Protein backbone atom coordinates (compact mmCIF):
# COMPACT_ATOMS: atom_id res chain seq x y z
CA MET A 1 23.71 22.60 4.88
CA PRO A 2 24.57 20.32 1.94
CA SER A 3 24.16 21.62 -1.56
CA LEU A 4 20.93 20.69 -3.32
CA ARG A 5 22.24 21.37 -6.77
CA PRO A 6 21.17 18.76 -9.34
CA LYS A 7 24.41 16.79 -9.56
CA PRO A 8 25.10 16.47 -5.80
CA LEU A 9 21.44 15.70 -5.18
CA THR A 10 21.45 13.02 -7.86
CA GLU A 11 24.59 11.50 -6.34
CA ARG A 12 23.04 11.45 -2.86
CA LEU A 13 19.86 9.85 -4.18
CA ARG A 14 21.87 7.27 -6.11
CA ALA A 15 23.90 6.40 -2.98
CA PHE A 16 20.69 6.11 -0.97
CA ALA A 17 19.15 3.82 -3.59
CA GLU A 18 22.27 1.63 -3.64
CA HIS A 19 22.13 1.17 0.14
CA TYR A 20 18.34 1.13 0.53
CA ASP A 21 18.12 -2.57 1.46
CA ASP A 22 20.71 -2.06 4.21
CA TYR A 23 18.88 1.00 5.54
CA ALA A 24 15.51 -0.77 5.46
CA ARG A 25 16.88 -3.87 7.20
CA SER A 26 18.57 -1.77 9.88
CA TRP A 27 15.41 0.26 10.46
CA ALA A 28 13.20 -2.85 10.69
CA LEU A 29 15.57 -4.60 13.10
CA ASP A 30 15.70 -1.49 15.27
CA ILE A 31 11.90 -1.27 15.42
CA LEU A 32 11.59 -5.00 16.21
CA ALA A 33 14.23 -4.74 18.94
CA ARG A 34 12.38 -1.81 20.51
CA ARG A 35 9.09 -3.71 20.48
CA LEU A 36 10.67 -6.85 21.95
CA GLY A 37 12.88 -5.04 24.41
CA HIS A 38 15.96 -6.94 23.22
CA THR A 39 17.90 -7.74 20.06
CA PRO A 40 15.85 -10.34 18.16
CA ASP A 41 17.27 -13.74 17.31
CA ALA A 42 16.76 -15.43 13.93
CA ALA A 43 13.57 -17.22 15.05
CA GLU A 44 12.03 -13.96 16.29
CA ILE A 45 12.91 -12.22 13.02
CA GLU A 46 11.37 -15.07 11.02
CA ARG A 47 8.21 -15.00 13.16
CA ALA A 48 7.91 -11.22 12.69
CA VAL A 49 8.28 -11.61 8.91
CA VAL A 50 5.66 -14.38 8.74
CA GLU A 51 3.24 -12.46 10.96
CA GLY A 52 3.84 -9.27 8.97
CA LYS A 53 3.08 -11.04 5.70
CA ALA A 54 -0.09 -12.54 7.17
CA ALA A 55 -1.20 -9.12 8.41
CA GLN A 56 -0.50 -7.59 5.00
CA GLN A 57 -2.52 -10.31 3.27
CA GLU A 58 -5.44 -9.82 5.67
CA LEU A 59 -5.38 -6.05 5.08
CA GLN A 60 -5.32 -6.69 1.33
CA ARG A 61 -8.28 -9.06 1.64
CA LEU A 62 -10.24 -6.48 3.66
CA ALA A 63 -9.40 -3.71 1.20
CA GLU A 64 -10.54 -5.88 -1.72
CA ALA A 65 -13.80 -6.72 0.05
CA ASP A 66 -14.35 -3.01 0.74
CA ARG A 67 -13.56 -2.14 -2.88
CA ALA A 68 -15.93 -4.84 -4.15
CA PHE A 69 -18.72 -3.42 -1.99
CA ASP A 70 -18.00 0.20 -2.95
CA CYS A 71 -17.92 -0.73 -6.63
CA SER A 72 -21.04 -2.92 -6.59
CA PHE A 73 -24.07 -1.72 -8.48
CA ASP A 74 -25.89 -1.49 -5.12
CA MET A 75 -23.81 1.66 -4.52
CA ALA A 76 -24.90 3.21 -7.82
CA VAL A 77 -27.60 5.41 -6.29
CA GLY A 78 -27.76 8.69 -8.16
CA TYR A 79 -25.81 7.53 -11.21
CA GLY A 80 -27.37 7.59 -14.65
CA LEU A 81 -30.36 9.66 -13.60
CA ASP A 82 -31.01 10.46 -17.24
CA ALA A 83 -30.58 6.81 -18.30
CA THR A 84 -33.52 4.79 -19.48
CA THR A 85 -32.12 1.31 -18.77
CA ASP A 86 -30.16 -0.43 -16.01
CA ASP A 87 -27.39 -1.08 -18.53
CA GLU A 88 -27.03 2.67 -19.13
CA ARG A 89 -27.03 3.33 -15.36
CA ARG A 90 -24.37 0.64 -14.87
CA ALA A 91 -22.28 2.12 -17.70
CA ASP A 92 -22.52 5.61 -16.15
CA PHE A 93 -21.61 4.25 -12.70
CA ARG A 94 -18.62 2.34 -14.06
CA ALA A 95 -17.43 5.28 -16.15
CA VAL A 96 -17.68 7.79 -13.28
CA ARG A 97 -16.01 5.41 -10.82
CA GLY A 98 -13.23 4.61 -13.31
CA LEU A 99 -14.07 0.92 -13.37
CA GLU A 100 -13.68 0.56 -17.12
């Protein structure tokens, strides 16, 4: 088993970081090839990248919509029970939820 002493570990992590793009590219191409059942050509790689970006953007949009709903004042039931105004209830809700 390789040594996990600080210096050798740091060297291994540095080498990994230096080659990370190569490792990531190799991994992604391997996954794509497995899904397609053959080695992808340039057009298939480009299509996968475009579709992946579109999927990521859609997931981001859905997450933002979910966050907006979860952080809306409609979800503030039970916050600011000791407050006397809506502004105080909103302030309590925002403070507890970390929105400020």
